[in-house]
Amino acid sequence: MRNFALKMKEAAVAVIPITALVLILNFSLGGMPTLNLASFLVGAVLLIVGMALYTLGSSVFMEPAGEHIGAKVTATGKVWFILLVALVVGVVVTVAEPDLTVLATQIGSIPNIVLIASVGAGVGVFMVIAVLRVLLKVRLNALLIALYAVVFVMAAFVAEGYVPLAFDSGGVTTGPITVPFILALGVGISGAVGGSRSQEDSFGMVGICSVGPIIAVLILGLVYRTDAQAEVTRLGVFADFGDVMMTYLKALPTYLEEVGIALAPIFAVFLIFQFTMLKLPVKSLLRMMIGAVYTYIGLTLFLTGVNVGFMQAGTYIGGALAGVSRWLVIPIGALIGSLIVLAEPAVHVLNRQVEQITGGAVSRKNMLAVLVISMAVAVALSMIRVATGISIWWIIVPVYAAALALSFFVPKIFTAIAFDSGGVASGPMTATFLLPFAMGATAELGGSIINDAFGTVAFVAMTPLVAVQIMGLVYKVKKTAAARVAAEKYRALLAHEGEIIELDGEDAA
């Protein structure tokens, strides 16, 4: 109960700022109908409760399950088995990812099942590549350079609309289900492999897995020769507040089913391992089962609140701002982005693991500050595209080039954390509020939804690659400076001791 109260406090601190900002913007711009505003507020309450339960459940079930499975599988020493498990886990957790379903429903040119299946296969294959990297001790930056070279070459041959869609897919697949499991799996595998690079290898899996969906969607772009299409979500019409609540009640079974279907394969995989390899004590198993229930209920409430209450509000606010001024969406979008990252459940999971793995060298507070800044920059860049219609190529190429170049100058663990952070920052709030916000603004300005609005998630996933590595560069410089000062003090001490010894020798004489 005490832990839940703490999580509720953390969730409230995360969600209330963005809720307050939306309310201020709403009243400043003339305002949504009262009942739509009420729907948004109900969604905010569900977000707080859902996030609290989810983060509590994730720390009790998802993370320990991933670590236990990763360690046991690696301990077998059977490479084929390790890779098979990686493939299955990659596909299972991705298909289960609610963010991907949200994105798929907004695309009109590709059947939902085709997009979801393709992206799931992409993550599964790249999960195998990520595990092979750890087992074969391949440098992360070398692998990422090779993979993104393939991405940009492929992107040059598909219809323009598939490029932002592909990069958005890479962002949404690493959400509240995939992140805890993949991160924990990485920790388990790297810990079992051991060696001097185990800390570095604990991260990087999410970053590598994010490339799989990009390539998968680009392949779809080569198959579906027509350009991608998308539709804008509009405000719902309510008769009274009872109708608002009825909308939530009608939606709740849908998300109970979706989350249940999403988590069931993960739960099944865990139970198979429990009875065959893990054999955890009953007390530990019972605790994890309770955590699984928390995860299920929390994620259901979170997604219900986000999809029913926040998506429509995002579209409305984006359109209303653009109606006032196309340039106003840039600073306001940046502010919204900086607040939304606080409400992403997977961000808090990553920050906690980073602090634990680095022994406090990279604190949760510093990680969050860097992600807040990078999120603001990401959304500002996205809104510049919405306002001007410039091609996504003018932004993604230099930013990715900078990120890959920095990987040669910062401690390797910061590169791994950076590419994981990129995937983590783009969660349910990004797909269901920021993307509709961009779509609403684009529709109001008469731009191309698929070319101008899509790419928002991609930018959110992209800017932390640079920001976290800059933090790593600062850390390296400070560490080097501290080492230099310590060395000078040591040399001075030695010189001083030499003088004392010399004086003692003179006295003896």
Protein backbone atom coordinates (compact mmCIF):
# COMPACT_ATOMS: atom_id res chain seq x y z
CA MET A 1 0.00 0.00 0.00
CA ARG A 2 2.86 2.31 0.87
CA ASN A 3 4.53 1.59 -2.50
CA PHE A 4 1.27 2.26 -4.34
CA ALA A 5 0.85 5.62 -2.57
CA LEU A 6 4.38 6.56 -3.62
CA LYS A 7 3.67 5.55 -7.23
CA MET A 8 0.42 7.54 -7.17
CA LYS A 9 2.35 10.61 -6.05
CA GLU A 10 4.92 10.12 -8.83
CA ALA A 11 2.18 9.61 -11.44
CA ALA A 12 0.30 12.73 -10.29
CA VAL A 13 3.48 14.82 -10.52
CA ALA A 14 3.99 13.48 -14.07
CA VAL A 15 0.44 13.94 -15.41
CA ILE A 16 -0.86 17.08 -13.68
CA PRO A 17 1.50 19.53 -15.50
CA ILE A 18 0.42 18.46 -19.01
CA THR A 19 -3.21 18.41 -17.87
CA ALA A 20 -2.91 21.95 -16.51
CA LEU A 21 -1.26 23.18 -19.71
CA VAL A 22 -4.01 21.68 -21.88
CA LEU A 23 -6.63 23.38 -19.67
CA ILE A 24 -4.86 26.75 -19.97
CA LEU A 25 -4.58 26.40 -23.75
CA ASN A 26 -8.16 25.25 -24.01
CA PHE A 27 -9.59 28.29 -22.22
CA SER A 28 -7.20 30.64 -24.01
CA LEU A 29 -8.26 29.41 -27.46
CA GLY A 30 -11.99 29.55 -26.97
CA GLY A 31 -12.33 26.07 -25.60
CA MET A 32 -13.57 22.60 -26.39
CA PRO A 33 -17.21 21.85 -25.64
CA THR A 34 -17.66 21.34 -21.89
CA LEU A 35 -18.40 17.62 -22.19
CA ASN A 36 -15.27 17.01 -24.31
CA LEU A 37 -13.26 18.83 -21.66
CA ALA A 38 -14.86 16.61 -19.01
CA SER A 39 -13.85 13.56 -21.06
CA PHE A 40 -10.27 14.82 -21.11
CA LEU A 41 -10.24 15.27 -17.30
CA VAL A 42 -11.63 11.78 -16.73
CA GLY A 43 -8.84 10.52 -18.97
CA ALA A 44 -6.27 12.38 -16.85
CA VAL A 45 -7.51 10.66 -13.68
CA LEU A 46 -7.29 7.26 -15.37
CA LEU A 47 -3.78 8.13 -16.54
CA ILE A 48 -2.61 8.81 -12.98
CA VAL A 49 -4.10 5.65 -11.48
CA GLY A 50 -3.06 3.53 -14.48
CA MET A 51 0.53 4.78 -14.48
CA ALA A 52 0.87 4.16 -10.73
CA LEU A 53 -0.35 0.57 -11.01
CA TYR A 54 1.67 -0.10 -14.16
CA THR A 55 5.01 1.16 -12.81
CA LEU A 56 4.46 -0.79 -9.59
CA GLY A 57 3.59 -3.95 -11.54
CA SER A 58 6.47 -3.51 -13.96
CA SER A 59 9.05 -3.39 -11.15
CA VAL A 60 7.53 -6.48 -9.51
CA PHE A 61 6.81 -8.64 -12.59
CA MET A 62 8.09 -7.45 -15.98
CA GLU A 63 11.64 -6.53 -14.99
CA PRO A 64 12.40 -9.57 -12.77
CA ALA A 65 10.86 -11.89 -15.37
CA GLY A 66 13.08 -10.49 -18.12
CA GLU A 67 16.22 -10.68 -16.00
CA HIS A 68 15.56 -14.25 -14.81
CA ILE A 69 14.81 -15.51 -18.33
CA GLY A 70 17.81 -13.72 -19.85
CA ALA A 71 20.21 -15.12 -17.25
CA LYS A 72 18.88 -18.71 -17.41
CA VAL A 73 18.76 -18.87 -21.19
CA THR A 74 22.30 -17.55 -21.52
CA ALA A 75 23.56 -19.94 -18.84
CA THR A 76 22.59 -22.92 -21.05
CA GLY A 77 25.41 -21.97 -23.40
CA LYS A 78 23.28 -23.08 -26.39
CA VAL A 79 23.49 -20.28 -28.92
CA TRP A 80 20.61 -21.58 -31.05
CA PHE A 81 18.34 -21.67 -27.99
CA ILE A 82 19.34 -18.18 -26.89
CA LEU A 83 18.60 -16.79 -30.35
CA LEU A 84 15.28 -18.67 -30.62
CA VAL A 85 14.12 -17.23 -27.31
CA ALA A 86 15.24 -13.75 -28.41
CA LEU A 87 13.24 -14.09 -31.65
CA VAL A 88 10.09 -15.30 -29.89
CA VAL A 89 10.33 -12.66 -27.14
CA GLY A 90 10.92 -9.90 -29.71
CA VAL A 91 7.83 -10.82 -31.75
CA VAL A 92 5.60 -11.49 -28.72
CA VAL A 93 6.31 -8.25 -26.85
CA THR A 94 6.04 -6.13 -30.01
CA VAL A 95 2.72 -7.51 -31.21
CA ALA A 96 1.56 -6.89 -27.64
CA GLU A 97 2.63 -3.23 -27.73
CA PRO A 98 -0.45 -0.97 -27.57
CA ASP A 99 1.41 2.00 -29.11
CA LEU A 100 1.79 0.04 -32.33
CA THR A 101 -1.95 -0.64 -32.49
CA VAL A 102 -2.63 3.08 -31.97
CA LEU A 103 -0.33 3.98 -34.87
CA ALA A 104 -1.74 1.26 -37.14
CA THR A 105 -5.32 2.52 -36.66
CA GLN A 106 -4.26 5.95 -37.97
CA ILE A 107 -2.84 4.57 -41.24
CA GLY A 108 -5.36 4.08 -44.05
CA SER A 109 -3.19 2.57 -46.78
CA ILE A 110 -1.82 -0.54 -45.00
CA PRO A 111 -4.05 -3.16 -43.30
CA ASN A 112 -3.57 -3.08 -39.51
CA ILE A 113 -2.65 -6.75 -39.26
CA VAL A 114 -0.05 -6.43 -42.04
CA LEU A 115 1.65 -3.47 -40.39
CA ILE A 116 1.61 -5.01 -36.90
CA ALA A 117 2.85 -8.42 -38.12
CA SER A 118 5.64 -6.85 -40.21
CA VAL A 119 6.83 -4.65 -37.38
CA GLY A 120 6.68 -7.59 -34.93
CA ALA A 121 8.83 -9.69 -37.26
CA GLY A 122 11.25 -6.78 -37.63
CA VAL A 123 11.72 -6.47 -33.87
CA GLY A 124 12.08 -10.26 -33.49
CA VAL A 125 14.85 -10.43 -36.10
CA PHE A 126 16.67 -7.45 -34.65
CA MET A 127 16.34 -8.83 -31.15
CA VAL A 128 18.37 -11.77 -32.45
CA ILE A 129 20.92 -9.33 -33.86
CA ALA A 130 21.05 -7.50 -30.50
CA VAL A 131 21.74 -10.74 -28.61
CA LEU A 132 24.38 -11.81 -31.15
CA ARG A 133 26.09 -8.46 -30.58
CA VAL A 134 26.43 -9.25 -26.87
CA LEU A 135 27.53 -12.84 -27.43
CA LEU A 136 30.06 -11.93 -30.15
CA LYS A 137 31.13 -8.72 -28.33
CA VAL A 138 30.52 -6.49 -31.37
CA ARG A 139 30.90 -2.77 -30.74
CA LEU A 140 27.50 -1.07 -30.60
CA ASN A 141 28.44 2.02 -32.61
CA ALA A 142 29.92 -0.04 -35.46
CA LEU A 143 26.73 -2.11 -35.69
CA LEU A 144 24.47 0.96 -35.54
CA ILE A 145 26.41 2.71 -38.32
CA ALA A 146 26.00 -0.35 -40.56
CA LEU A 147 22.27 -0.70 -39.77
CA TYR A 148 21.41 2.96 -40.31
CA ALA A 149 23.39 2.97 -43.56
CA VAL A 150 21.02 0.23 -44.77
CA VAL A 151 18.01 2.24 -43.49
CA PHE A 152 18.90 5.43 -45.38
CA VAL A 153 19.73 3.59 -48.59
CA MET A 154 16.35 1.80 -48.49
CA ALA A 155 14.53 5.03 -47.61
CA ALA A 156 15.79 6.63 -50.82
CA PHE A 157 13.78 4.13 -52.90
CA VAL A 158 10.32 4.28 -51.25
CA ALA A 159 7.46 6.77 -51.60
CA GLU A 160 8.05 9.88 -49.48
CA GLY A 161 5.19 9.17 -47.05
CA TYR A 162 6.70 5.85 -45.93
CA VAL A 163 9.85 7.51 -44.55
CA PRO A 164 8.22 9.33 -41.59
CA LEU A 165 5.90 6.34 -41.06
CA ALA A 166 8.88 3.97 -40.90
CA PHE A 167 10.77 6.06 -38.36
CA ASP A 168 7.58 6.55 -36.32
CA SER A 169 7.14 2.77 -36.24
CA GLY A 170 10.62 2.43 -34.77
CA GLY A 171 9.59 4.76 -31.95
CA VAL A 172 6.16 3.36 -31.04
CA THR A 173 7.27 -0.27 -30.80
CA THR A 174 9.37 0.48 -27.74
CA GLY A 175 6.63 1.31 -25.26
CA PRO A 176 5.35 0.22 -21.84
CA ILE A 177 5.36 -3.52 -22.61
CA THR A 178 8.52 -3.94 -24.69
CA VAL A 179 10.87 -1.64 -22.76
CA PRO A 180 10.80 -3.27 -19.30
CA PHE A 181 11.08 -6.76 -20.77
CA ILE A 182 13.79 -6.04 -23.34
CA LEU A 183 15.84 -3.90 -20.92
CA ALA A 184 15.64 -6.57 -18.25
CA LEU A 185 16.46 -9.30 -20.77
CA GLY A 186 19.53 -7.32 -21.81
CA VAL A 187 20.64 -7.00 -18.18
CA GLY A 188 20.13 -10.74 -17.64
CA ILE A 189 22.05 -11.80 -20.76
CA SER A 190 24.95 -9.37 -20.31
CA GLY A 191 25.24 -10.33 -16.63
CA ALA A 192 25.38 -14.03 -17.52
CA VAL A 193 27.96 -13.45 -20.27
CA GLY A 194 30.02 -11.31 -17.88
CA GLY A 195 33.33 -9.73 -18.78
CA SER A 196 34.58 -6.14 -18.63
CA ARG A 197 31.84 -4.95 -21.00
CA SER A 198 28.85 -6.37 -19.12
CA GLN A 199 27.77 -2.91 -17.92
CA GLU A 200 27.89 -1.48 -21.46
CA ASP A 201 26.11 -4.50 -22.92
CA SER A 202 23.24 -4.14 -20.42
CA PHE A 203 21.95 -1.37 -22.66
CA GLY A 204 21.64 -1.05 -26.43
CA MET A 205 19.05 -3.78 -27.09
CA VAL A 206 16.13 -1.36 -27.29
CA GLY A 207 18.12 0.88 -29.63
CA ILE A 208 18.95 -2.01 -31.98
CA CYS A 209 15.40 -3.37 -31.85
CA SER A 210 14.10 0.08 -32.88
CA VAL A 211 15.83 -0.33 -36.25
CA GLY A 212 13.83 -3.48 -37.10
CA PRO A 213 10.44 -1.74 -37.50
CA ILE A 214 12.00 0.99 -39.65
CA ILE A 215 13.36 -1.57 -42.11
CA ALA A 216 10.13 -3.62 -41.97
CA VAL A 217 7.96 -0.60 -42.93
CA LEU A 218 10.41 0.45 -45.64
CA ILE A 219 10.04 -3.04 -47.11
CA LEU A 220 6.25 -2.52 -47.00
CA GLY A 221 6.82 0.74 -48.84
CA LEU A 222 8.56 -1.20 -51.62
CA VAL A 223 5.65 -3.68 -51.74
CA TYR A 224 2.80 -1.12 -51.49
CA ARG A 225 3.75 1.19 -54.32
CA THR A 226 1.08 3.77 -53.46
CA ASP A 227 1.91 6.46 -50.93
CA ALA A 228 0.86 6.05 -47.28
CA GLN A 229 -2.34 7.74 -46.07
CA ALA A 230 -3.66 8.78 -42.66
CA GLU A 231 -6.85 10.14 -41.10
CA VAL A 232 -7.39 12.84 -38.43
CA THR A 233 -9.31 11.99 -35.22
CA ARG A 234 -12.12 14.48 -34.53
CA LEU A 235 -13.89 15.51 -31.31
CA GLY A 236 -16.66 13.15 -30.20
CA VAL A 237 -20.23 14.33 -29.65
CA PHE A 238 -21.73 13.80 -26.17
CA ALA A 239 -25.32 14.33 -25.01
CA ASP A 240 -24.49 14.70 -21.30
CA PHE A 241 -21.89 13.69 -18.71
CA GLY A 242 -23.52 10.29 -18.42
CA ASP A 243 -22.76 9.84 -22.11
CA VAL A 244 -19.11 10.71 -21.42
CA MET A 245 -18.85 8.05 -18.74
CA MET A 246 -20.72 5.59 -20.96
CA THR A 247 -18.05 6.14 -23.65
CA TYR A 248 -15.36 5.14 -21.17
CA LEU A 249 -17.33 2.16 -19.92
CA LYS A 250 -17.89 0.97 -23.49
CA ALA A 251 -14.20 1.39 -24.30
CA LEU A 252 -12.97 -0.33 -21.12
CA PRO A 253 -13.82 -3.93 -22.21
CA THR A 254 -12.02 -3.30 -25.50
CA TYR A 255 -8.79 -2.31 -23.75
CA LEU A 256 -9.19 -5.05 -21.14
CA GLU A 257 -9.26 -7.49 -24.03
CA GLU A 258 -6.42 -5.83 -25.97
CA VAL A 259 -4.11 -5.64 -22.96
CA GLY A 260 -5.08 -9.17 -21.92
CA ILE A 261 -4.23 -10.49 -25.39
CA ALA A 262 -1.04 -8.45 -25.33
CA LEU A 263 0.19 -9.67 -21.94
CA ALA A 264 -1.01 -13.28 -22.21
CA PRO A 265 1.88 -14.47 -24.44
CA ILE A 266 4.42 -12.80 -22.14
CA PHE A 267 2.79 -14.38 -19.12
CA ALA A 268 2.72 -17.78 -20.88
CA VAL A 269 6.41 -17.53 -21.82
CA PHE A 270 7.27 -16.70 -18.21
CA LEU A 271 5.25 -19.66 -16.84
CA ILE A 272 6.89 -22.05 -19.32
CA PHE A 273 10.30 -20.91 -18.13
CA GLN A 274 9.17 -21.02 -14.49
CA PHE A 275 8.18 -24.69 -14.65
CA THR A 276 11.09 -25.80 -16.85
CA MET A 277 14.11 -23.70 -15.89
CA LEU A 278 13.54 -20.93 -13.36
CA LYS A 279 11.71 -22.80 -10.57
CA LEU A 280 11.43 -19.66 -8.42
CA PRO A 281 10.27 -20.08 -4.80
CA VAL A 282 6.50 -19.95 -4.25
CA LYS A 283 6.76 -16.68 -2.33
CA SER A 284 8.68 -14.97 -5.16
CA LEU A 285 6.32 -16.43 -7.77
CA LEU A 286 3.25 -15.23 -5.89
CA ARG A 287 4.71 -11.74 -5.62
CA MET A 288 5.36 -11.67 -9.37
CA MET A 289 1.82 -12.86 -10.12
CA ILE A 290 0.43 -9.96 -8.09
CA GLY A 291 2.75 -7.69 -10.07
CA ALA A 292 1.34 -9.11 -13.31
CA VAL A 293 -2.19 -8.22 -12.18
CA TYR A 294 -1.05 -4.67 -11.33
CA THR A 295 0.54 -4.39 -14.78
CA TYR A 296 -2.63 -5.60 -16.49
CA ILE A 297 -5.03 -3.28 -14.65
CA GLY A 298 -2.67 -0.30 -14.80
CA LEU A 299 -1.99 -0.55 -18.51
CA THR A 300 -5.70 -0.99 -19.25
CA LEU A 301 -6.65 2.15 -17.32
CA PHE A 302 -3.74 4.10 -18.81
CA LEU A 303 -4.61 3.23 -22.41
CA THR A 304 -8.32 3.82 -21.88
CA GLY A 305 -7.63 7.31 -20.52
CA VAL A 306 -5.10 8.15 -23.22
CA ASN A 307 -7.11 6.89 -26.18
CA VAL A 308 -10.56 8.10 -25.15
CA GLY A 309 -9.65 11.36 -23.43
CA PHE A 310 -6.30 12.58 -24.72
CA MET A 311 -6.26 11.77 -28.45
CA GLN A 312 -9.22 13.98 -29.35
CA ALA A 313 -7.96 16.78 -27.08
CA GLY A 314 -4.57 16.66 -28.82
CA THR A 315 -6.15 17.02 -32.28
CA TYR A 316 -8.33 19.92 -31.14
CA ILE A 317 -5.55 21.88 -29.40
CA GLY A 318 -3.19 21.44 -32.38
CA GLY A 319 -5.82 22.67 -34.84
CA ALA A 320 -6.86 25.60 -32.63
CA LEU A 321 -3.26 26.78 -32.15
CA ALA A 322 -2.49 26.55 -35.85
CA GLY A 323 -5.68 28.52 -36.52
CA VAL A 324 -4.29 31.38 -34.42
CA SER A 325 -0.79 31.26 -35.90
CA ARG A 326 1.22 28.59 -37.70
CA TRP A 327 4.32 29.71 -35.76
CA LEU A 328 2.62 29.47 -32.36
CA VAL A 329 2.60 25.66 -32.57
CA ILE A 330 6.42 25.60 -32.36
CA PRO A 331 6.99 27.02 -28.82
CA ILE A 332 3.74 25.60 -27.44
CA GLY A 333 4.54 22.20 -28.97
CA ALA A 334 7.99 22.28 -27.35
CA LEU A 335 6.43 23.04 -23.97
CA ILE A 336 3.87 20.24 -24.36
CA GLY A 337 6.63 17.81 -25.35
CA SER A 338 8.75 18.64 -22.31
CA LEU A 339 5.79 17.90 -20.03
CA ILE A 340 4.61 14.77 -21.83
CA VAL A 341 7.91 12.94 -21.33
CA LEU A 342 7.20 13.08 -17.59
CA ALA A 343 4.05 11.04 -18.19
CA GLU A 344 5.68 8.27 -20.22
CA PRO A 345 5.72 5.14 -18.00
CA ALA A 346 8.65 3.47 -19.77
CA VAL A 347 10.86 6.55 -19.18
CA HIS A 348 10.77 5.98 -15.44
CA VAL A 349 11.61 2.29 -15.91
CA LEU A 350 14.68 3.18 -17.99
CA ASN A 351 15.86 5.93 -15.63
CA ARG A 352 15.66 3.58 -12.66
CA GLN A 353 17.65 0.88 -14.45
CA VAL A 354 20.27 3.37 -15.66
CA GLU A 355 20.83 4.57 -12.08
CA GLN A 356 21.09 0.98 -10.81
CA ILE A 357 23.43 -0.28 -13.52
CA THR A 358 25.76 2.75 -13.36
CA GLY A 359 25.85 2.67 -9.57
CA GLY A 360 24.42 6.20 -9.38
CA ALA A 361 26.99 7.71 -11.76
CA VAL A 362 24.04 8.63 -14.01
CA SER A 363 21.19 9.61 -11.72
CA ARG A 364 17.49 9.37 -12.48
CA LYS A 365 17.22 13.14 -12.03
CA ASN A 366 19.90 13.90 -14.62
CA MET A 367 18.49 11.40 -17.11
CA LEU A 368 15.03 12.90 -16.77
CA ALA A 369 16.36 16.45 -17.23
CA VAL A 370 18.16 15.45 -20.43
CA LEU A 371 15.08 13.67 -21.78
CA VAL A 372 12.85 16.68 -20.99
CA ILE A 373 15.17 19.00 -22.94
CA SER A 374 15.52 16.58 -25.87
CA MET A 375 11.73 16.09 -25.99
CA ALA A 376 11.19 19.86 -26.21
CA VAL A 377 13.68 20.11 -29.07
CA ALA A 378 12.11 17.11 -30.82
CA VAL A 379 8.60 18.54 -30.80
CA ALA A 380 9.86 21.99 -31.82
CA LEU A 381 11.56 20.41 -34.86
CA SER A 382 8.39 18.48 -35.65
CA MET A 383 6.27 21.64 -35.47
CA ILE A 384 8.73 23.45 -37.76
CA ARG A 385 7.96 20.73 -40.33
CA VAL A 386 4.22 21.21 -39.76
CA ALA A 387 4.53 25.01 -40.16
CA THR A 388 6.84 25.00 -43.19
CA GLY A 389 6.29 21.65 -44.92
CA ILE A 390 10.05 20.98 -45.22
CA SER A 391 11.12 17.41 -45.95
CA ILE A 392 11.95 15.10 -43.05
CA TRP A 393 15.29 14.38 -44.76
CA TRP A 394 16.63 17.84 -43.84
CA ILE A 395 16.37 16.93 -40.16
CA ILE A 396 16.86 13.18 -39.71
CA VAL A 397 20.06 12.94 -41.78
CA PRO A 398 22.14 15.55 -39.86
CA VAL A 399 20.79 14.48 -36.44
CA TYR A 400 21.53 10.78 -36.98
CA ALA A 401 24.93 11.69 -38.44
CA ALA A 402 25.70 13.72 -35.31
CA ALA A 403 24.51 10.89 -33.04
CA LEU A 404 26.65 8.28 -34.78
CA ALA A 405 29.68 10.61 -34.86
CA LEU A 406 29.39 11.29 -31.10
CA SER A 407 29.53 7.54 -30.43
CA PHE A 408 33.29 7.64 -31.18
CA PHE A 409 33.99 10.24 -28.48
CA VAL A 410 31.84 9.31 -25.46
CA PRO A 411 32.02 6.37 -23.02
CA LYS A 412 30.41 3.38 -24.75
CA ILE A 413 27.75 2.94 -22.09
CA PHE A 414 26.39 6.42 -22.86
CA THR A 415 25.94 5.48 -26.51
CA ALA A 416 24.01 2.37 -25.46
CA ILE A 417 21.86 4.36 -23.00
CA ALA A 418 21.26 7.07 -25.63
CA PHE A 419 19.90 4.71 -28.27
CA ASP A 420 17.74 2.96 -25.66
CA SER A 421 16.46 6.36 -24.46
CA GLY A 422 15.38 7.23 -27.98
CA GLY A 423 13.07 4.24 -28.12
CA VAL A 424 11.78 4.72 -24.59
CA ALA A 425 10.86 8.42 -24.84
CA SER A 426 8.33 7.73 -27.60
CA GLY A 427 5.56 5.93 -25.71
CA PRO A 428 1.74 5.97 -25.52
CA MET A 429 1.51 9.70 -24.76
CA THR A 430 3.53 10.50 -27.87
CA ALA A 431 1.42 8.34 -30.17
CA THR A 432 -1.92 9.40 -28.72
CA PHE A 433 -1.42 13.10 -27.91
CA LEU A 434 1.60 14.55 -29.71
CA LEU A 435 0.92 12.84 -33.03
CA PRO A 436 -2.79 13.89 -33.04
CA PHE A 437 -1.61 17.39 -32.00
CA ALA A 438 0.63 17.52 -35.08
CA MET A 439 -2.12 16.03 -37.27
CA GLY A 440 -4.67 18.62 -36.07
CA ALA A 441 -2.25 21.48 -36.76
CA THR A 442 -1.35 20.09 -40.20
CA ALA A 443 -5.02 19.65 -41.16
CA GLU A 444 -5.76 23.23 -40.11
CA LEU A 445 -2.85 24.53 -42.23
CA GLY A 446 -3.83 22.41 -45.23
CA GLY A 447 -0.62 20.35 -45.26
CA SER A 448 -0.02 16.66 -45.95
CA ILE A 449 -0.87 14.61 -42.85
CA ILE A 450 1.41 11.70 -43.72
CA ASN A 451 4.36 13.82 -44.89
CA ASP A 452 4.23 16.70 -42.38
CA ALA A 453 2.58 15.34 -39.20
CA PHE A 454 4.04 11.85 -39.21
CA GLY A 455 7.65 11.89 -38.12
CA THR A 456 6.74 13.44 -34.76
CA VAL A 457 7.30 10.14 -32.96
CA ALA A 458 10.52 9.68 -34.96
CA PHE A 459 11.89 13.02 -33.76
CA VAL A 460 11.03 12.16 -30.14
CA ALA A 461 13.00 8.92 -30.57
CA MET A 462 15.86 10.69 -32.35
CA THR A 463 16.86 13.70 -30.24
CA PRO A 464 17.83 11.71 -27.08
CA LEU A 465 20.49 9.98 -29.20
CA VAL A 466 22.38 13.27 -29.30
CA ALA A 467 21.33 14.69 -25.92
CA VAL A 468 22.33 11.69 -23.78
CA GLN A 469 25.67 11.37 -25.56
CA ILE A 470 26.37 15.07 -24.97
CA MET A 471 25.74 14.30 -21.27
CA GLY A 472 28.25 11.46 -21.65
CA LEU A 473 30.76 13.83 -23.22
CA VAL A 474 30.37 16.27 -20.31
CA TYR A 475 30.77 13.36 -17.88
CA LYS A 476 33.96 12.27 -19.67
CA VAL A 477 35.43 15.79 -19.62
CA LYS A 478 34.64 16.23 -15.90
CA LYS A 479 36.08 12.80 -15.08
CA THR A 480 39.26 13.58 -17.04
CA ALA A 481 39.60 16.95 -15.32
CA ALA A 482 39.06 15.37 -11.89
CA ALA A 483 41.67 12.70 -12.65
CA ARG A 484 44.14 15.39 -13.74
CA VAL A 485 43.61 17.37 -10.52
CA ALA A 486 44.00 14.20 -8.44
CA ALA A 487 47.23 13.34 -10.28
CA GLU A 488 48.66 16.82 -9.69
CA LYS A 489 47.79 16.63 -5.98
CA TYR A 490 49.48 13.22 -5.78
CA ARG A 491 52.62 14.50 -7.49
CA ALA A 492 52.69 17.50 -5.16
CA LEU A 493 52.33 15.19 -2.17
CA LEU A 494 55.18 12.99 -3.38
CA ALA A 495 57.37 16.04 -3.90
CA HIS A 496 56.53 17.29 -0.40
CA GLU A 497 57.33 13.90 1.13
CA GLY A 498 60.63 13.88 -0.76
CA GLU A 499 61.55 17.21 0.81
CA ILE A 500 60.75 15.89 4.31
CA ILE A 501 62.85 12.76 3.77
CA GLU A 502 65.74 14.89 2.52
CA LEU A 503 65.54 17.14 5.58
CA ASP A 504 65.42 14.11 7.89
CA GLY A 505 68.57 12.80 6.22
CA GLU A 506 70.37 16.10 6.82
CA ASP A 507 69.37 16.03 10.50
CA ALA A 508 70.69 12.51 10.88
CA ALA A 509 74.01 13.56 9.41
